[in-house]
Amino acid sequence: MSLNRIEMRPTAAELQSNFDRPGLSLAEAAADLTMNEAHLTALLGMRVVGPAEVWLVPDYFEQAVRDVGKEPVPFSILT
């Protein structure tokens, strides 16, 4: 799935919200996702997105939010 520029803005905000909710550090999340921190930062801003990452990263953050007993922010585009 490729996102267009209009879809990237809300997706980036939703990714950031779900990254922030469980209190993970950038280093911890990057290590779990087997990528470097710079790449994860770019993904959070939707500046670098590979097709598999469009699904891997949101799934990881949603699970991380649930793991701390919170409800993830729903994704409006990535349903």
PDB file of N, CA and C in Angstrom:
ATOM      1  N   MET A   1       0.842  -1.178   0.000  1.00  0.00           N
ATOM      2  CA  MET A   1       0.000   0.000   0.000  1.00  0.00           C
ATOM      3  C   MET A   1       0.883   1.236   0.000  1.00  0.00           C
ATOM      4  N   SER A   2       0.638   2.121  -0.892  1.00  0.00           N
ATOM      5  CA  SER A   2       1.350   3.393  -0.940  1.00  0.00           C
ATOM      6  C   SER A   2       0.420   4.488  -0.455  1.00  0.00           C
ATOM      7  N   LEU A   3       0.960   5.345   0.369  1.00  0.00           N
ATOM      8  CA  LEU A   3       0.176   6.470   0.869  1.00  0.00           C
ATOM      9  C   LEU A   3       0.498   7.705   0.048  1.00  0.00           C
ATOM     10  N   ASN A   4      -0.531   8.490  -0.237  1.00  0.00           N
ATOM     11  CA  ASN A   4      -0.273   9.751  -0.929  1.00  0.00           C
ATOM     12  C   ASN A   4       0.036  10.832   0.107  1.00  0.00           C
ATOM     13  N   ARG A   5       0.390  12.000  -0.362  1.00  0.00           N
ATOM     14  CA  ARG A   5       0.792  13.081   0.548  1.00  0.00           C
ATOM     15  C   ARG A   5      -0.312  13.461   1.527  1.00  0.00           C
ATOM     16  N   ILE A   6      -1.544  13.434   1.084  1.00  0.00           N
ATOM     17  CA  ILE A   6      -2.667  13.788   1.960  1.00  0.00           C
ATOM     18  C   ILE A   6      -2.832  12.747   3.064  1.00  0.00           C
ATOM     19  N   GLU A   7      -2.617  11.494   2.749  1.00  0.00           N
ATOM     20  CA  GLU A   7      -2.773  10.412   3.733  1.00  0.00           C
ATOM     21  C   GLU A   7      -1.599  10.349   4.705  1.00  0.00           C
ATOM     22  N   MET A   8      -0.449  10.860   4.300  1.00  0.00           N
ATOM     23  CA  MET A   8       0.737  10.774   5.151  1.00  0.00           C
ATOM     24  C   MET A   8       0.637  11.628   6.409  1.00  0.00           C
ATOM     25  N   ARG A   9       0.017  12.791   6.316  1.00  0.00           N
ATOM     26  CA  ARG A   9      -0.035  13.697   7.477  1.00  0.00           C
ATOM     27  C   ARG A   9      -0.777  13.069   8.658  1.00  0.00           C
ATOM     28  N   PRO A  10      -2.027  12.593   8.488  1.00  0.00           N
ATOM     29  CA  PRO A  10      -2.689  11.982   9.640  1.00  0.00           C
ATOM     30  C   PRO A  10      -2.020  10.681  10.077  1.00  0.00           C
ATOM     31  N   THR A  11      -1.469   9.939   9.135  1.00  0.00           N
ATOM     32  CA  THR A  11      -0.791   8.693   9.495  1.00  0.00           C
ATOM     33  C   THR A  11       0.435   8.984  10.348  1.00  0.00           C
ATOM     34  N   ALA A  12       1.193  10.001  10.012  1.00  0.00           N
ATOM     35  CA  ALA A  12       2.360  10.383  10.813  1.00  0.00           C
ATOM     36  C   ALA A  12       1.934  10.783  12.227  1.00  0.00           C
ATOM     37  N   ALA A  13       0.860  11.546  12.354  1.00  0.00           N
ATOM     38  CA  ALA A  13       0.374  11.965  13.675  1.00  0.00           C
ATOM     39  C   ALA A  13      -0.091  10.761  14.486  1.00  0.00           C
ATOM     40  N   GLU A  14      -0.762   9.828  13.845  1.00  0.00           N
ATOM     41  CA  GLU A  14      -1.243   8.630  14.535  1.00  0.00           C
ATOM     42  C   GLU A  14      -0.078   7.733  14.963  1.00  0.00           C
ATOM     43  N   LEU A  15       0.922   7.596  14.088  1.00  0.00           N
ATOM     44  CA  LEU A  15       2.116   6.830  14.453  1.00  0.00           C
ATOM     45  C   LEU A  15       2.807   7.452  15.662  1.00  0.00           C
ATOM     46  N   GLN A  16       2.975   8.777  15.630  1.00  0.00           N
ATOM     47  CA  GLN A  16       3.644   9.457  16.737  1.00  0.00           C
ATOM     48  C   GLN A  16       2.867   9.290  18.033  1.00  0.00           C
ATOM     49  N   SER A  17       1.562   9.393  17.976  1.00  0.00           N
ATOM     50  CA  SER A  17       0.734   9.217  19.171  1.00  0.00           C
ATOM     51  C   SER A  17       0.904   7.821  19.750  1.00  0.00           C
ATOM     52  N   ASN A  18       0.886   6.816  18.882  1.00  0.00           N
ATOM     53  CA  ASN A  18       1.029   5.449  19.360  1.00  0.00           C
ATOM     54  C   ASN A  18       2.454   5.124  19.783  1.00  0.00           C
ATOM     55  N   PHE A  19       3.431   5.843  19.270  1.00  0.00           N
ATOM     56  CA  PHE A  19       4.800   5.708  19.754  1.00  0.00           C
ATOM     57  C   PHE A  19       4.912   6.305  21.152  1.00  0.00           C
ATOM     58  N   ASP A  20       4.281   7.451  21.368  1.00  0.00           N
ATOM     59  CA  ASP A  20       4.383   8.159  22.644  1.00  0.00           C
ATOM     60  C   ASP A  20       3.639   7.457  23.781  1.00  0.00           C
ATOM     61  N   ARG A  21       2.506   6.840  23.508  1.00  0.00           N
ATOM     62  CA  ARG A  21       1.630   6.293  24.550  1.00  0.00           C
ATOM     63  C   ARG A  21       2.282   5.259  25.468  1.00  0.00           C
ATOM     64  N   PRO A  22       3.061   4.304  24.973  1.00  0.00           N
ATOM     65  CA  PRO A  22       3.611   3.312  25.900  1.00  0.00           C
ATOM     66  C   PRO A  22       4.888   3.757  26.612  1.00  0.00           C
ATOM     67  N   GLY A  23       5.442   4.898  26.229  1.00  0.00           N
ATOM     68  CA  GLY A  23       6.636   5.402  26.892  1.00  0.00           C
ATOM     69  C   GLY A  23       7.923   4.716  26.450  1.00  0.00           C
ATOM     70  N   LEU A  24       7.927   4.145  25.262  1.00  0.00           N
ATOM     71  CA  LEU A  24       9.136   3.522  24.733  1.00  0.00           C
ATOM     72  C   LEU A  24      10.157   4.587  24.361  1.00  0.00           C
ATOM     73  N   SER A  25      11.414   4.243  24.507  1.00  0.00           N
ATOM     74  CA  SER A  25      12.450   5.142  23.995  1.00  0.00           C
ATOM     75  C   SER A  25      12.625   4.866  22.509  1.00  0.00           C
ATOM     76  N   LEU A  26      13.165   5.829  21.818  1.00  0.00           N
ATOM     77  CA  LEU A  26      13.442   5.663  20.396  1.00  0.00           C
ATOM     78  C   LEU A  26      14.409   4.499  20.194  1.00  0.00           C
ATOM     79  N   ALA A  27      15.413   4.398  21.057  1.00  0.00           N
ATOM     80  CA  ALA A  27      16.404   3.324  20.949  1.00  0.00           C
ATOM     81  C   ALA A  27      15.758   1.953  21.142  1.00  0.00           C
ATOM     82  N   GLU A  28      14.873   1.843  22.115  1.00  0.00           N
ATOM     83  CA  GLU A  28      14.206   0.570  22.390  1.00  0.00           C
ATOM     84  C   GLU A  28      13.322   0.144  21.218  1.00  0.00           C
ATOM     85  N   ALA A  29      12.524   1.064  20.721  1.00  0.00           N
ATOM     86  CA  ALA A  29      11.636   0.748  19.598  1.00  0.00           C
ATOM     87  C   ALA A  29      12.447   0.403  18.356  1.00  0.00           C
ATOM     88  N   ALA A  30      13.495   1.150  18.080  1.00  0.00           N
ATOM     89  CA  ALA A  30      14.328   0.877  16.902  1.00  0.00           C
ATOM     90  C   ALA A  30      14.971  -0.501  17.012  1.00  0.00           C
ATOM     91  N   ALA A  31      15.450  -0.847  18.189  1.00  0.00           N
ATOM     92  CA  ALA A  31      16.067  -2.166  18.378  1.00  0.00           C
ATOM     93  C   ALA A  31      15.038  -3.273  18.172  1.00  0.00           C
ATOM     94  N   ASP A  32      13.844  -3.106  18.737  1.00  0.00           N
ATOM     95  CA  ASP A  32      12.790  -4.105  18.563  1.00  0.00           C
ATOM     96  C   ASP A  32      12.427  -4.286  17.094  1.00  0.00           C
ATOM     97  N   LEU A  33      12.451  -3.197  16.349  1.00  0.00           N
ATOM     98  CA  LEU A  33      12.083  -3.227  14.930  1.00  0.00           C
ATOM     99  C   LEU A  33      13.282  -3.524  14.020  1.00  0.00           C
ATOM    100  N   THR A  34      14.434  -3.760  14.617  1.00  0.00           N
ATOM    101  CA  THR A  34      15.694  -4.023  13.909  1.00  0.00           C
ATOM    102  C   THR A  34      16.012  -2.967  12.847  1.00  0.00           C
ATOM    103  N   MET A  35      15.959  -1.728  13.290  1.00  0.00           N
ATOM    104  CA  MET A  35      16.350  -0.607  12.428  1.00  0.00           C
ATOM    105  C   MET A  35      17.073   0.411  13.284  1.00  0.00           C
ATOM    106  N   ASN A  36      17.742   1.347  12.652  1.00  0.00           N
ATOM    107  CA  ASN A  36      18.436   2.357  13.447  1.00  0.00           C
ATOM    108  C   ASN A  36      17.473   3.493  13.811  1.00  0.00           C
ATOM    109  N   GLU A  37      17.885   4.280  14.784  1.00  0.00           N
ATOM    110  CA  GLU A  37      17.027   5.347  15.292  1.00  0.00           C
ATOM    111  C   GLU A  37      16.703   6.395  14.235  1.00  0.00           C
ATOM    112  N   ALA A  38      17.662   6.694  13.375  1.00  0.00           N
ATOM    113  CA  ALA A  38      17.416   7.689  12.326  1.00  0.00           C
ATOM    114  C   ALA A  38      16.329   7.210  11.370  1.00  0.00           C
ATOM    115  N   HIS A  39      16.356   5.942  11.045  1.00  0.00           N
ATOM    116  CA  HIS A  39      15.337   5.401  10.135  1.00  0.00           C
ATOM    117  C   HIS A  39      13.966   5.421  10.813  1.00  0.00           C
ATOM    118  N   LEU A  40      13.902   5.049  12.079  1.00  0.00           N
ATOM    119  CA  LEU A  40      12.624   5.082  12.792  1.00  0.00           C
ATOM    120  C   LEU A  40      12.098   6.513  12.882  1.00  0.00           C
ATOM    121  N   THR A  41      12.964   7.461  13.137  1.00  0.00           N
ATOM    122  CA  THR A  41      12.541   8.866  13.172  1.00  0.00           C
ATOM    123  C   THR A  41      11.964   9.284  11.824  1.00  0.00           C
ATOM    124  N   ALA A  42      12.601   8.865  10.745  1.00  0.00           N
ATOM    125  CA  ALA A  42      12.094   9.177   9.409  1.00  0.00           C
ATOM    126  C   ALA A  42      10.737   8.508   9.177  1.00  0.00           C
ATOM    127  N   LEU A  43      10.579   7.281   9.652  1.00  0.00           N
ATOM    128  CA  LEU A  43       9.292   6.593   9.508  1.00  0.00           C
ATOM    129  C   LEU A  43       8.193   7.297  10.297  1.00  0.00           C
ATOM    130  N   LEU A  44       8.516   7.726  11.498  1.00  0.00           N
ATOM    131  CA  LEU A  44       7.513   8.422  12.313  1.00  0.00           C
ATOM    132  C   LEU A  44       7.012   9.688  11.618  1.00  0.00           C
ATOM    133  N   GLY A  45       7.882  10.326  10.867  1.00  0.00           N
ATOM    134  CA  GLY A  45       7.497  11.518  10.117  1.00  0.00           C
ATOM    135  C   GLY A  45       7.028  11.215   8.713  1.00  0.00           C
ATOM    136  N   MET A  46       6.937   9.927   8.391  1.00  0.00           N
ATOM    137  CA  MET A  46       6.509   9.464   7.063  1.00  0.00           C
ATOM    138  C   MET A  46       7.398  10.029   5.967  1.00  0.00           C
ATOM    139  N   ARG A  47       8.681  10.190   6.277  1.00  0.00           N
ATOM    140  CA  ARG A  47       9.620  10.680   5.272  1.00  0.00           C
ATOM    141  C   ARG A  47      10.273   9.534   4.508  1.00  0.00           C
ATOM    142  N   VAL A  48      10.330   8.354   5.092  1.00  0.00           N
ATOM    143  CA  VAL A  48      10.884   7.163   4.443  1.00  0.00           C
ATOM    144  C   VAL A  48       9.947   6.012   4.770  1.00  0.00           C
ATOM    145  N   VAL A  49       9.293   5.497   3.772  1.00  0.00           N
ATOM    146  CA  VAL A  49       8.337   4.426   4.047  1.00  0.00           C
ATOM    147  C   VAL A  49       8.444   3.354   2.974  1.00  0.00           C
ATOM    148  N   GLY A  50       8.795   2.154   3.413  1.00  0.00           N
ATOM    149  CA  GLY A  50       8.764   1.004   2.527  1.00  0.00           C
ATOM    150  C   GLY A  50       7.416   0.317   2.688  1.00  0.00           C
ATOM    151  N   PRO A  51       6.969  -0.416   1.696  1.00  0.00           N
ATOM    152  CA  PRO A  51       5.647  -1.053   1.766  1.00  0.00           C
ATOM    153  C   PRO A  51       5.441  -1.923   2.998  1.00  0.00           C
ATOM    154  N   ALA A  52       6.427  -2.713   3.373  1.00  0.00           N
ATOM    155  CA  ALA A  52       6.271  -3.586   4.544  1.00  0.00           C
ATOM    156  C   ALA A  52       6.232  -2.767   5.828  1.00  0.00           C
ATOM    157  N   GLU A  53       6.991  -1.685   5.872  1.00  0.00           N
ATOM    158  CA  GLU A  53       7.049  -0.853   7.071  1.00  0.00           C
ATOM    159  C   GLU A  53       5.727  -0.147   7.342  1.00  0.00           C
ATOM    160  N   VAL A  54       4.975   0.116   6.294  1.00  0.00           N
ATOM    161  CA  VAL A  54       3.673   0.755   6.475  1.00  0.00           C
ATOM    162  C   VAL A  54       2.808  -0.089   7.418  1.00  0.00           C
ATOM    163  N   TRP A  55       3.005  -1.395   7.409  1.00  0.00           N
ATOM    164  CA  TRP A  55       2.207  -2.275   8.283  1.00  0.00           C
ATOM    165  C   TRP A  55       2.968  -2.722   9.512  1.00  0.00           C
ATOM    166  N   LEU A  56       4.263  -2.943   9.416  1.00  0.00           N
ATOM    167  CA  LEU A  56       5.048  -3.425  10.544  1.00  0.00           C
ATOM    168  C   LEU A  56       5.079  -2.426  11.693  1.00  0.00           C
ATOM    169  N   VAL A  57       5.371  -1.202  11.391  1.00  0.00           N
ATOM    170  CA  VAL A  57       5.542  -0.195  12.438  1.00  0.00           C
ATOM    171  C   VAL A  57       4.223   0.099  13.165  1.00  0.00           C
ATOM    172  N   PRO A  58       3.111   0.320  12.471  1.00  0.00           N
ATOM    173  CA  PRO A  58       1.860   0.553  13.198  1.00  0.00           C
ATOM    174  C   PRO A  58       1.454  -0.648  14.065  1.00  0.00           C
ATOM    175  N   ASP A  59       1.633  -1.853  13.549  1.00  0.00           N
ATOM    176  CA  ASP A  59       1.294  -3.045  14.334  1.00  0.00           C
ATOM    177  C   ASP A  59       2.141  -3.127  15.596  1.00  0.00           C
ATOM    178  N   TYR A  60       3.414  -2.834  15.470  1.00  0.00           N
ATOM    179  CA  TYR A  60       4.319  -2.857  16.623  1.00  0.00           C
ATOM    180  C   TYR A  60       3.880  -1.832  17.679  1.00  0.00           C
ATOM    181  N   PHE A  61       3.598  -0.609  17.240  1.00  0.00           N
ATOM    182  CA  PHE A  61       3.201   0.428  18.199  1.00  0.00           C
ATOM    183  C   PHE A  61       1.854   0.115  18.843  1.00  0.00           C
ATOM    184  N   GLU A  62       0.895  -0.382  18.071  1.00  0.00           N
ATOM    185  CA  GLU A  62      -0.406  -0.735  18.660  1.00  0.00           C
ATOM    186  C   GLU A  62      -0.228  -1.794  19.743  1.00  0.00           C
ATOM    187  N   GLN A  63       0.598  -2.801  19.483  1.00  0.00           N
ATOM    188  CA  GLN A  63       0.822  -3.844  20.481  1.00  0.00           C
ATOM    189  C   GLN A  63       1.546  -3.291  21.702  1.00  0.00           C
ATOM    190  N   ALA A  64       2.505  -2.414  21.488  1.00  0.00           N
ATOM    191  CA  ALA A  64       3.234  -1.810  22.604  1.00  0.00           C
ATOM    192  C   ALA A  64       2.289  -1.012  23.499  1.00  0.00           C
ATOM    193  N   VAL A  65       1.338  -0.309  22.904  1.00  0.00           N
ATOM    194  CA  VAL A  65       0.351   0.452  23.675  1.00  0.00           C
ATOM    195  C   VAL A  65      -0.523  -0.508  24.483  1.00  0.00           C
ATOM    196  N   ARG A  66      -0.985  -1.568  23.850  1.00  0.00           N
ATOM    197  CA  ARG A  66      -1.821  -2.555  24.562  1.00  0.00           C
ATOM    198  C   ARG A  66      -1.047  -3.242  25.684  1.00  0.00           C
ATOM    199  N   ASP A  67       0.241  -3.480  25.459  1.00  0.00           N
ATOM    200  CA  ASP A  67       1.072  -4.146  26.465  1.00  0.00           C
ATOM    201  C   ASP A  67       1.173  -3.352  27.764  1.00  0.00           C
ATOM    202  N   VAL A  68       0.979  -2.044  27.708  1.00  0.00           N
ATOM    203  CA  VAL A  68       1.014  -1.235  28.933  1.00  0.00           C
ATOM    204  C   VAL A  68      -0.394  -0.911  29.425  1.00  0.00           C
ATOM    205  N   GLY A  69      -1.391  -1.599  28.866  1.00  0.00           N
ATOM    206  CA  GLY A  69      -2.763  -1.453  29.341  1.00  0.00           C
ATOM    207  C   GLY A  69      -3.505  -0.229  28.849  1.00  0.00           C
ATOM    208  N   LYS A  70      -3.037   0.342  27.763  1.00  0.00           N
ATOM    209  CA  LYS A  70      -3.700   1.514  27.202  1.00  0.00           C
ATOM    210  C   LYS A  70      -4.356   1.147  25.879  1.00  0.00           C
ATOM    211  N   GLU A  71      -5.177   2.042  25.392  1.00  0.00           N
ATOM    212  CA  GLU A  71      -5.850   1.854  24.110  1.00  0.00           C
ATOM    213  C   GLU A  71      -5.095   2.642  23.039  1.00  0.00           C
ATOM    214  N   PRO A  72      -4.709   1.984  21.946  1.00  0.00           N
ATOM    215  CA  PRO A  72      -3.997   2.715  20.893  1.00  0.00           C
ATOM    216  C   PRO A  72      -4.900   3.719  20.185  1.00  0.00           C
ATOM    217  N   VAL A  73      -4.278   4.753  19.657  1.00  0.00           N
ATOM    218  CA  VAL A  73      -4.978   5.707  18.811  1.00  0.00           C
ATOM    219  C   VAL A  73      -5.292   4.971  17.506  1.00  0.00           C
ATOM    220  N   PRO A  74      -6.542   4.974  17.064  1.00  0.00           N
ATOM    221  CA  PRO A  74      -6.864   4.257  15.839  1.00  0.00           C
ATOM    222  C   PRO A  74      -6.255   4.937  14.614  1.00  0.00           C
ATOM    223  N   PHE A  75      -5.912   4.125  13.652  1.00  0.00           N
ATOM    224  CA  PHE A  75      -5.379   4.644  12.401  1.00  0.00           C
ATOM    225  C   PHE A  75      -6.535   4.906  11.444  1.00  0.00           C
ATOM    226  N   SER A  76      -6.583   6.096  10.893  1.00  0.00           N
ATOM    227  CA  SER A  76      -7.680   6.463  10.007  1.00  0.00           C
ATOM    228  C   SER A  76      -7.451   5.972   8.580  1.00  0.00           C
ATOM    229  N   ILE A  77      -6.198   5.854   8.176  1.00  0.00           N
ATOM    230  CA  ILE A  77      -5.879   5.422   6.815  1.00  0.00           C
ATOM    231  C   ILE A  77      -5.479   3.949   6.816  1.00  0.00           C
ATOM    232  N   LEU A  78      -4.657   3.562   7.763  1.00  0.00           N
ATOM    233  CA  LEU A  78      -4.179   2.170   7.845  1.00  0.00           C
ATOM    234  C   LEU A  78      -5.181   1.331   8.618  1.00  0.00           C
ATOM    235  N   THR A  79      -6.229   0.935   7.965  1.00  0.00           N
ATOM    236  CA  THR A  79      -7.284   0.178   8.654  1.00  0.00           C
ATOM    237  C   THR A  79      -7.094  -1.313   8.488  1.00  0.00           C
TER     238      THR A  79
END
